[in-house]
Each structure stands twice: as structure tokens, then as C-alpha cells.
Amino acid sequence: MRYPIGIQTFEQIIQDGYVYVDKTALVYDLVKGGKIYFLSRPRRFGKSLLISTLENYFLGRKELFKGLAIDALEKDWLEYPVLHLSFANGNFTDGKVLKQILEDYVAEAEAKYGKNVYANTLGGRFASVLRAAHEKTGRRAVVLIDEYDKPILDVLELDYYVTDSEGNRIKLEDYNRNVLKGFYGVFKDADKDLQFVLLTGVTKFSQVSVFSGFNQPDDLSMQRKYEALCGITKDELLTVFDSSIRELADELELSYEETVEQLKKKYDGYHFSKKLTDIFNPFSLLKCFKTLELNDYWFASGTPEYLVRLLAKNDEHINELVGKYYDAEQFVNYKADSEQPLPMVYQSGYLTIKDYDKRHNSYLLDFPNEEVRMGFLKTLATGYFKEFNFRKFK
């Protein structure tokens, strides 16, 4: 079995014979059930692959979906103009990078669909491109934006400054936020030219920051129907990866059942709705099956600097955040900063929902699994975070 570690392109996974966990029934339901969406998931959880899957679907590439669930559901396979933007690789501590990426993105679309010589602002040009794409192809545009929040997360709580167009010196975090707010605000007036919009990221910022002035997206992040849109369920593990589990069991000299239990203990435990369906970390599972070793792959791949900064500035000890119930409202609308880091810790995947108290509308938060729990303990040794009560986790 070929494992697509580091491969986020749907086309390559299918054409080169890598294992693919079929999420296309959910994709079909998504595209038929709404128009503008937002999805938050931790890093390395398959957000980019989801974006790529949607891109190929909207390009009408039926041949790539042969044998998948959507093959029996979709009858038309229409081709739409697709505008795909990823912020994943930008270094947004440089004050010039965000605007340059957006300029390049709009210019490339203008070269394909046409440029309005009377549109001068970045937002105006983007709106004109959406209209031109609609008029040229006869179908409304699809906009897919991956890691929409990275330009903010890269500079969150950092004292970096930039001079804006009016000569004012402002924090780079506020500057990037304002640029994105203006850019995304185009969606409101371009509604007639839009077929589908999806923004993915780690965290959802409050309406008064990035999404203000833009048709509020349907937030999928904690919806029961879409909790398994990214990640791997236990049923998917046992069916898609049955042979992989058996190979790992032989290597570890364990029974099949014992191996599944070890995988569950190490990589399972993520919950993205009140339904509390167990979701395995896909990155760690694939790495484990490839190396045949139960190591801490996801945590070892890097702790986000923005999270380190938030927790380092927070007055609470880390162990005081876990094993407690929190009002559900904290996870709906908030501004992620050093005063309220908890929602970002959850959405970043370092804590997860372990129980829902319906009576008090509150969530119990704790570490999702052993990999993350041990990763936090090891990270303490670097001096980033405040001390744990180690005995609590023995």
C-alpha cells in the first residue's frame, strides 16, 4: 500500500495509486447543500487535500472519481471556473508578502478571464475577475482558499510594524487583518457570480475582524454531519487500512485487536462535534503504517509558533486548562489572543472535546491522545510553557 505522506494533491493520489480514504459522499453533500463555507481543522489534518478534491470536482474531472462514492451520486459533472488560493507557504512576517501574493493571484486570474481597466483596487479587481469568469464561461465562479488565517497567525502577538498606504505605522497583525478583511469582503457584492466558496484554516476569528462585511460563511467546524470530513474514523481505519494494521501487528508482535487498541490510544480521540465521533490523526496514522513504528509524528512535526506565544503569555498553567468544562459560547465567536487562548488551543488540535454537558451547554476539554499529551510534556523541557503538574498525567 502506498501512503500519500506530504502529498496533498487529489489528482496525484488517484493517478499514482496512493491510498485514498473516500470522503466524496460528504463532498457531494457539501456542494449540493450550501454555498459559502468555513472549516477549521488542526494542521496536517487533510484540509489541503479536501480543497484539492473540491477543485477537481468543480473542474468536472469525472475520470478521477471513478469508483468513488460521488461517482454514483453526481450525474452532470459540469466544469466551473475555479480560483484556488493557498497561503500555506507564505512568510507573512514580511509586511510585503501578503499583498504580493494577492496581487499575483488576481493578476493570474485576470490573464485567464480578462482584466477590467477601470478596476484599480485589489478588491475591485478581484470582484471584476469573478464577474468576468462568470460571463466568459457561462457558469459562476468557485473560490477555494486554503489556510486563510496564516497571514494573521504568523504575526499574532508579535510587535512587527508596517507603514500603510496612508503613511500610518501600524502593527503588521492589524495590517494583514485589514488587507484580508477587504479582500474577503468582495464576496458580499459578488454573490451573483459565485457558485461555491470554501475557506479553511486552523482557527476562526471573530466576525468583527476578518469576516466582517462578508456574507457570513456556514461554519462546518463543529457540525455533526461534517465531523469526519477530514481525519479518519475507526470504521475507515478498519476497512481501508486492514492490511496495514495486520502488517503493523506482525512487526510489533501483537494481536490485531491489541494493535488497534495501541493505534487508538496513540492517535485517536479527536472530537469535532457534540456527537463525539472518534477521529484519528491522519498524518500520524500514515506515518506509523509506513515506518511500522508507534512514534509521535504529528507533534514532532512542529509546534506552531503562534500557539507557543499565546500560551507563554497566558497566566494560567497548562494543566489548569485540561479536564475542565467550558461554556460552548467560547468556541463560537472570539478573538484569539493572549487573553483568551483556549479556543485556539482546541482548534489547533492540542486539546479536544471529551464530553458535552447538554444541561449547561458546556464542553469538557482534555488531551486527545497519548501522542499529544506526551508531546506537551516533552515541550516543557524547552522552557516554552509554564510548568505542568506532572503527577496528574501519570
Protein backbone atom coordinates (compact mmCIF):
# COMPACT_ATOMS: atom_id res chain seq x y z
CA MET A 1 0.00 0.00 0.00
CA ARG A 2 1.32 3.45 -0.94
CA TYR A 3 0.84 6.15 1.69
CA PRO A 4 0.47 9.78 0.47
CA ILE A 5 2.62 11.37 3.17
CA GLY A 6 3.20 15.01 2.28
CA ILE A 7 1.05 14.68 -0.88
CA GLN A 8 -1.95 16.99 -0.81
CA THR A 9 -2.97 16.82 -4.47
CA PHE A 10 -6.03 14.68 -5.16
CA GLU A 11 -5.05 14.13 -8.78
CA GLN A 12 -1.63 12.73 -7.89
CA ILE A 13 -3.01 10.48 -5.15
CA ILE A 14 -5.52 8.92 -7.54
CA GLN A 15 -3.31 8.70 -10.62
CA ASP A 16 -0.26 7.36 -8.80
CA GLY A 17 -2.17 4.75 -6.82
CA TYR A 18 -1.81 6.10 -3.29
CA VAL A 19 -4.34 5.04 -0.69
CA TYR A 20 -7.31 7.43 -0.52
CA VAL A 21 -9.94 7.46 2.22
CA ASP A 22 -13.12 8.19 0.30
CA LYS A 23 -14.76 11.38 1.60
CA THR A 24 -16.56 12.15 -1.64
CA ALA A 25 -20.07 11.36 -0.38
CA LEU A 26 -19.58 14.15 2.17
CA VAL A 27 -18.10 16.37 -0.55
CA TYR A 28 -21.19 15.83 -2.69
CA ASP A 29 -23.49 16.63 0.22
CA LEU A 30 -21.45 19.76 0.92
CA VAL A 31 -21.56 21.21 -2.58
CA LYS A 32 -25.27 20.47 -3.00
CA GLY A 33 -26.28 21.78 0.41
CA GLY A 34 -24.87 25.29 0.53
CA LYS A 35 -22.68 27.95 -0.99
CA ILE A 36 -20.21 29.70 1.33
CA TYR A 37 -18.41 27.64 3.97
CA PHE A 38 -15.65 27.79 6.55
CA LEU A 39 -13.86 24.77 8.01
CA SER A 40 -11.41 24.76 10.91
CA ARG A 41 -9.18 21.74 11.48
CA PRO A 42 -5.72 21.25 13.03
CA ARG A 43 -2.64 21.32 10.82
CA ARG A 44 -1.87 18.18 8.79
CA PHE A 45 -5.46 17.01 9.06
CA GLY A 46 -6.26 16.91 5.34
CA LYS A 47 -7.62 20.42 4.71
CA SER A 48 -5.45 20.92 1.62
CA LEU A 49 -6.45 17.53 0.21
CA LEU A 50 -10.10 18.46 0.71
CA ILE A 51 -9.54 21.70 -1.21
CA SER A 52 -7.81 19.78 -4.00
CA THR A 53 -10.65 17.25 -4.13
CA LEU A 54 -13.19 20.04 -4.48
CA GLU A 55 -11.09 21.74 -7.15
CA ASN A 56 -11.03 18.61 -9.31
CA TYR A 57 -14.74 18.04 -8.74
CA PHE A 58 -15.66 21.54 -9.87
CA LEU A 59 -13.36 21.21 -12.88
CA GLY A 60 -15.59 18.32 -13.92
CA ARG A 61 -12.79 15.75 -13.90
CA LYS A 62 -15.10 12.75 -13.68
CA GLU A 63 -12.37 10.25 -14.59
CA LEU A 64 -10.51 10.91 -11.33
CA PHE A 65 -13.56 9.97 -9.24
CA LYS A 66 -14.29 6.64 -10.92
CA GLY A 67 -15.24 4.06 -8.31
CA LEU A 68 -15.59 6.60 -5.51
CA ALA A 69 -18.88 7.32 -3.76
CA ILE A 70 -19.51 10.52 -5.69
CA ASP A 71 -19.29 8.64 -9.00
CA ALA A 72 -22.73 7.18 -8.34
CA LEU A 73 -24.17 10.43 -6.99
CA GLU A 74 -23.16 13.11 -9.48
CA LYS A 75 -24.88 12.97 -12.88
CA ASP A 76 -23.85 16.24 -14.54
CA TRP A 77 -20.09 16.77 -13.93
CA LEU A 78 -20.13 20.41 -15.04
CA GLU A 79 -16.94 22.43 -15.36
CA TYR A 80 -16.77 25.68 -13.41
CA PRO A 81 -14.14 28.43 -13.33
CA VAL A 82 -12.10 27.62 -10.21
CA LEU A 83 -9.92 30.13 -8.36
CA HIS A 84 -7.69 28.36 -5.85
CA LEU A 85 -5.53 30.30 -3.40
CA SER A 86 -3.25 28.84 -0.73
CA PHE A 87 -1.44 30.86 1.92
CA ALA A 88 0.35 27.77 3.24
CA ASN A 89 3.85 28.62 2.05
CA GLY A 90 3.97 32.38 2.59
CA ASN A 91 6.20 34.01 5.20
CA PHE A 92 3.89 36.72 6.44
CA THR A 93 6.32 38.24 8.92
CA ASP A 94 7.46 40.17 5.85
CA GLY A 95 5.00 43.04 5.51
CA LYS A 96 5.11 42.93 1.70
CA VAL A 97 4.29 39.25 1.22
CA LEU A 98 0.52 39.17 1.77
CA LYS A 99 -0.30 41.92 -0.69
CA GLN A 100 2.11 40.48 -3.26
CA ILE A 101 0.52 37.03 -3.05
CA LEU A 102 -2.94 38.54 -3.53
CA GLU A 103 -1.67 40.70 -6.41
CA ASP A 104 -0.20 37.66 -8.15
CA TYR A 105 -3.38 35.65 -7.55
CA VAL A 106 -5.64 38.31 -9.06
CA ALA A 107 -3.25 39.00 -11.94
CA GLU A 108 -3.16 35.33 -12.90
CA ALA A 109 -6.96 35.18 -12.89
CA GLU A 110 -7.13 38.39 -14.96
CA ALA A 111 -4.81 36.84 -17.55
CA LYS A 112 -7.21 33.92 -17.86
CA TYR A 113 -10.60 35.61 -17.69
CA GLY A 114 -9.93 39.25 -18.59
CA LYS A 115 -8.98 42.50 -16.85
CA ASN A 116 -11.24 45.44 -16.11
CA VAL A 117 -9.13 48.53 -16.85
CA TYR A 118 -11.38 50.63 -14.64
CA ALA A 119 -10.83 48.46 -11.55
CA ASN A 120 -7.86 49.80 -9.59
CA THR A 121 -8.12 48.45 -6.05
CA LEU A 122 -7.22 44.86 -5.23
CA GLY A 123 -10.77 44.13 -4.08
CA GLY A 124 -12.27 45.79 -7.14
CA ARG A 125 -10.05 43.80 -9.48
CA PHE A 126 -10.97 40.56 -7.70
CA ALA A 127 -14.69 41.32 -7.98
CA SER A 128 -14.22 42.09 -11.68
CA VAL A 129 -12.42 38.79 -12.23
CA LEU A 130 -15.27 36.86 -10.64
CA ARG A 131 -17.74 38.64 -12.91
CA ALA A 132 -15.53 38.07 -15.97
CA ALA A 133 -15.15 34.37 -15.18
CA HIS A 134 -18.93 34.06 -14.91
CA GLU A 135 -19.52 35.88 -18.18
CA LYS A 136 -16.77 34.08 -20.11
CA THR A 137 -17.69 30.55 -19.06
CA GLY A 138 -21.41 30.93 -18.50
CA ARG A 139 -21.02 29.45 -15.01
CA ARG A 140 -20.48 31.08 -11.65
CA ALA A 141 -17.02 31.00 -10.09
CA VAL A 142 -15.73 28.66 -7.39
CA VAL A 143 -13.30 30.14 -4.86
CA LEU A 144 -11.20 27.83 -2.68
CA ILE A 145 -8.89 29.40 -0.09
CA ASP A 146 -6.56 27.19 1.94
CA GLU A 147 -5.01 28.31 5.25
CA TYR A 148 -6.86 31.60 5.07
CA ASP A 149 -5.67 32.60 8.56
CA LYS A 150 -1.92 32.03 8.16
CA PRO A 151 -1.19 35.71 7.35
CA ILE A 152 -2.59 36.54 10.80
CA LEU A 153 -1.25 33.56 12.75
CA ASP A 154 2.30 34.17 11.54
CA VAL A 155 2.37 37.57 13.21
CA LEU A 156 -0.12 37.07 16.04
CA GLU A 157 1.04 38.85 19.21
CA LEU A 158 4.31 39.96 17.56
CA ASP A 159 5.50 43.56 17.71
CA TYR A 160 6.09 43.86 13.98
CA TYR A 161 5.06 47.10 12.33
CA VAL A 162 4.46 48.32 8.80
CA THR A 163 3.61 51.64 7.17
CA ASP A 164 0.24 51.56 5.41
CA SER A 165 -0.76 53.38 2.21
CA GLU A 166 -1.67 56.49 4.18
CA GLY A 167 1.68 56.67 5.91
CA ASN A 168 0.47 55.37 9.27
CA ARG A 169 2.64 52.98 11.27
CA ILE A 170 0.50 50.06 12.41
CA LYS A 171 1.05 46.55 13.73
CA LEU A 172 1.62 44.00 10.99
CA GLU A 173 -1.05 41.79 12.54
CA ASP A 174 -3.64 44.57 12.14
CA TYR A 175 -2.38 45.41 8.66
CA ASN A 176 -2.69 41.81 7.44
CA ARG A 177 -6.08 41.52 9.08
CA ASN A 178 -7.32 44.65 7.31
CA VAL A 179 -5.99 43.52 3.93
CA LEU A 180 -7.78 40.17 4.27
CA LYS A 181 -10.96 41.83 5.52
CA GLY A 182 -11.07 43.99 2.41
CA PHE A 183 -10.29 41.10 0.12
CA TYR A 184 -12.86 38.70 1.58
CA GLY A 185 -15.43 41.49 1.75
CA VAL A 186 -15.69 41.26 -2.04
CA PHE A 187 -17.73 38.07 -1.67
CA LYS A 188 -20.72 40.01 -0.37
CA ASP A 189 -21.28 42.04 -3.52
CA ALA A 190 -20.12 39.25 -5.85
CA ASP A 191 -22.79 36.82 -4.70
CA LYS A 192 -24.40 36.56 -8.13
CA ASP A 193 -21.07 35.48 -9.62
CA LEU A 194 -20.26 32.81 -7.02
CA GLN A 195 -21.21 29.15 -7.18
CA PHE A 196 -19.26 27.91 -4.16
CA VAL A 197 -16.74 29.25 -1.63
CA LEU A 198 -14.71 27.37 0.96
CA LEU A 199 -12.15 28.83 3.33
CA THR A 200 -10.10 26.50 5.50
CA GLY A 201 -7.79 27.32 8.37
CA VAL A 202 -6.79 26.42 11.88
CA THR A 203 -8.93 28.94 13.71
CA LYS A 204 -11.96 31.11 13.17
CA PHE A 205 -11.54 34.74 14.05
CA SER A 206 -14.47 36.80 15.26
CA GLN A 207 -16.88 38.47 12.88
CA VAL A 208 -15.57 41.91 13.77
CA SER A 209 -12.12 41.06 12.44
CA VAL A 210 -11.76 39.13 9.19
CA PHE A 211 -15.28 38.15 8.19
CA SER A 212 -16.94 41.50 8.81
CA GLY A 213 -18.69 42.84 5.73
CA PHE A 214 -18.66 39.47 4.01
CA ASN A 215 -21.60 37.07 3.76
CA GLN A 216 -21.07 35.02 6.90
CA PRO A 217 -19.88 31.55 5.91
CA ASP A 218 -21.61 28.44 7.15
CA ASP A 219 -19.14 27.22 9.78
CA LEU A 220 -18.71 23.45 9.39
CA SER A 221 -16.12 23.13 12.12
CA MET A 222 -18.39 21.67 14.82
CA GLN A 223 -21.28 20.35 12.73
CA ARG A 224 -22.14 16.69 13.28
CA LYS A 225 -22.69 15.95 9.60
CA TYR A 226 -19.19 17.00 8.63
CA GLU A 227 -17.12 15.99 11.66
CA ALA A 228 -15.39 13.25 9.61
CA LEU A 229 -14.81 15.41 6.53
CA CYS A 230 -11.11 15.45 7.47
CA GLY A 231 -9.35 12.79 9.51
CA ILE A 232 -10.00 9.05 9.73
CA THR A 233 -12.81 7.33 11.64
CA LYS A 234 -12.42 3.93 13.28
CA ASP A 235 -14.63 2.33 10.62
CA GLU A 236 -12.41 3.81 7.90
CA LEU A 237 -9.33 2.60 9.74
CA LEU A 238 -10.61 -0.98 9.96
CA THR A 239 -11.74 -1.16 6.33
CA VAL A 240 -9.26 0.92 4.33
CA PHE A 241 -6.22 0.01 6.40
CA ASP A 242 -6.96 -3.59 7.39
CA SER A 243 -3.83 -4.96 5.69
CA SER A 244 -1.73 -2.14 7.17
CA ILE A 245 -2.93 -2.98 10.68
CA ARG A 246 -2.02 -6.64 10.14
CA GLU A 247 1.44 -5.71 8.91
CA LEU A 248 1.98 -3.44 11.91
CA ALA A 249 0.70 -6.16 14.26
CA ASP A 250 3.27 -8.60 12.90
CA GLU A 251 6.05 -6.04 13.34
CA LEU A 252 5.02 -5.23 16.93
CA GLU A 253 4.31 -8.88 17.76
CA LEU A 254 0.81 -8.02 18.92
CA SER A 255 -2.63 -9.36 18.05
CA TYR A 256 -4.82 -7.47 15.58
CA GLU A 257 -7.05 -6.25 18.41
CA GLU A 258 -4.09 -5.16 20.54
CA THR A 259 -2.64 -3.22 17.61
CA VAL A 260 -5.93 -1.39 17.01
CA GLU A 261 -6.03 -0.52 20.70
CA GLN A 262 -2.48 0.87 20.55
CA LEU A 263 -3.35 2.97 17.49
CA LYS A 264 -6.46 4.26 19.22
CA LYS A 265 -4.55 5.17 22.37
CA LYS A 266 -1.80 6.90 20.42
CA TYR A 267 -3.57 8.69 17.56
CA ASP A 268 -7.35 8.66 18.17
CA GLY A 269 -9.53 10.80 20.40
CA TYR A 270 -10.19 13.94 18.35
CA HIS A 271 -13.81 15.11 18.50
CA PHE A 272 -15.27 17.86 16.36
CA SER A 273 -18.91 17.90 17.43
CA LYS A 274 -21.29 17.06 20.26
CA LYS A 275 -21.72 13.64 18.66
CA LEU A 276 -18.18 12.78 19.85
CA THR A 277 -17.27 10.54 16.92
CA ASP A 278 -13.67 9.44 17.38
CA ILE A 279 -11.36 10.81 14.68
CA PHE A 280 -7.80 9.54 14.20
CA ASN A 281 -4.98 11.88 13.21
CA PRO A 282 -4.40 11.02 9.52
CA PHE A 283 -0.80 12.25 9.37
CA SER A 284 0.32 10.16 12.34
CA LEU A 285 -1.54 7.05 11.13
CA LEU A 286 0.04 7.16 7.68
CA LYS A 287 3.49 7.75 9.11
CA CYS A 288 3.01 4.88 11.56
CA PHE A 289 1.94 2.45 8.83
CA LYS A 290 4.84 3.49 6.61
CA THR A 291 7.54 3.22 9.30
CA LEU A 292 5.88 0.41 11.30
CA GLU A 293 6.68 2.32 14.49
CA LEU A 294 4.36 3.95 17.06
CA ASN A 295 6.08 7.32 17.33
CA ASP A 296 4.87 10.88 17.97
CA TYR A 297 4.74 12.03 14.36
CA TRP A 298 2.22 14.89 14.41
CA PHE A 299 3.56 16.64 17.48
CA ALA A 300 7.15 16.12 16.34
CA SER A 301 6.35 17.83 13.03
CA GLY A 302 6.38 21.17 14.81
CA THR A 303 4.55 23.17 17.44
CA PRO A 304 3.11 26.33 15.84
CA GLU A 305 4.92 29.45 16.99
CA TYR A 306 1.65 31.36 17.40
CA LEU A 307 0.48 28.80 19.94
CA VAL A 308 3.75 28.95 21.84
CA ARG A 309 3.44 32.74 22.01
CA LEU A 310 -0.15 32.65 23.24
CA LEU A 311 0.48 30.07 25.93
CA ALA A 312 3.72 31.68 27.07
CA LYS A 313 1.86 34.95 27.68
CA ASN A 314 -1.08 33.34 29.40
CA ASP A 315 -1.22 33.47 33.21
CA GLU A 316 -2.78 30.01 33.59
CA HIS A 317 -0.74 26.84 33.92
CA ILE A 318 -1.27 24.40 31.06
CA ASN A 319 -2.57 21.68 33.35
CA GLU A 320 -5.23 24.12 34.57
CA LEU A 321 -6.75 24.16 31.06
CA VAL A 322 -7.40 20.42 30.83
CA GLY A 323 -10.05 18.26 32.48
CA LYS A 324 -12.49 21.16 32.86
CA TYR A 325 -15.84 22.14 31.36
CA TYR A 326 -16.07 25.35 29.33
CA ASP A 327 -19.06 27.31 28.10
CA ALA A 328 -19.81 26.41 24.47
CA GLU A 329 -20.09 30.10 23.60
CA GLN A 330 -16.31 30.41 23.94
CA PHE A 331 -15.94 28.30 20.81
CA VAL A 332 -18.32 30.24 18.60
CA ASN A 333 -17.23 33.88 18.36
CA TYR A 334 -13.97 35.07 19.81
CA LYS A 335 -10.76 36.91 19.11
CA ALA A 336 -7.81 34.63 19.62
CA ASP A 337 -5.20 36.39 21.72
CA SER A 338 -3.19 36.00 24.89
CA GLU A 339 -6.23 36.94 26.99
CA GLN A 340 -8.30 34.04 25.65
CA PRO A 341 -6.09 31.32 24.12
CA LEU A 342 -8.35 28.37 24.93
CA PRO A 343 -10.38 28.21 21.67
CA MET A 344 -7.17 28.32 19.63
CA VAL A 345 -5.62 25.54 21.69
CA TYR A 346 -8.69 23.42 20.90
CA GLN A 347 -8.88 24.30 17.22
CA SER A 348 -5.15 23.72 16.83
CA GLY A 349 -5.67 20.13 17.94
CA TYR A 350 -3.79 20.20 21.24
CA LEU A 351 -6.96 19.83 23.28
CA THR A 352 -10.22 18.23 22.20
CA ILE A 353 -13.79 17.73 23.37
CA LYS A 354 -14.15 14.73 25.66
CA ASP A 355 -17.72 15.28 26.81
CA TYR A 356 -20.69 17.58 26.24
CA ASP A 357 -22.92 18.70 29.10
CA LYS A 358 -26.26 19.42 27.45
CA ARG A 359 -27.81 20.90 30.57
CA HIS A 360 -25.12 23.56 30.95
CA ASN A 361 -24.17 23.75 27.25
CA SER A 362 -20.51 23.19 28.03
CA TYR A 363 -17.62 21.10 26.76
CA LEU A 364 -15.09 19.05 28.71
CA LEU A 365 -11.63 19.58 27.23
CA ASP A 366 -8.59 17.34 27.57
CA PHE A 367 -5.70 16.00 25.53
CA PRO A 368 -6.97 13.94 22.58
CA ASN A 369 -4.47 11.10 22.93
CA GLU A 370 -1.14 9.92 24.25
CA GLU A 371 0.84 11.45 21.38
CA VAL A 372 -0.32 14.97 22.18
CA ARG A 373 -0.15 14.53 25.95
CA MET A 374 3.44 13.27 25.82
CA GLY A 375 4.33 15.90 23.25
CA PHE A 376 3.29 18.63 25.67
CA LEU A 377 5.36 17.10 28.45
CA LYS A 378 8.42 16.97 26.20
CA THR A 379 7.86 20.53 25.01
CA LEU A 380 8.01 21.72 28.60
CA ALA A 381 11.67 20.81 28.67
CA THR A 382 12.36 23.56 26.14
CA GLY A 383 11.01 26.16 28.55
CA TYR A 384 8.23 27.41 26.24
CA PHE A 385 5.30 26.69 28.50
CA LYS A 386 4.62 27.07 32.18
CA GLU A 387 5.12 24.05 34.39
CA PHE A 388 2.77 21.10 34.44
CA ASN A 389 1.66 19.17 37.45
CA PHE A 390 3.41 16.06 36.11
CA ARG A 391 1.78 13.71 38.59
CA LYS A 392 -1.61 14.49 37.13
CA PHE A 393 -0.70 12.71 33.89
CA LYS A 394 0.98 9.61 35.25
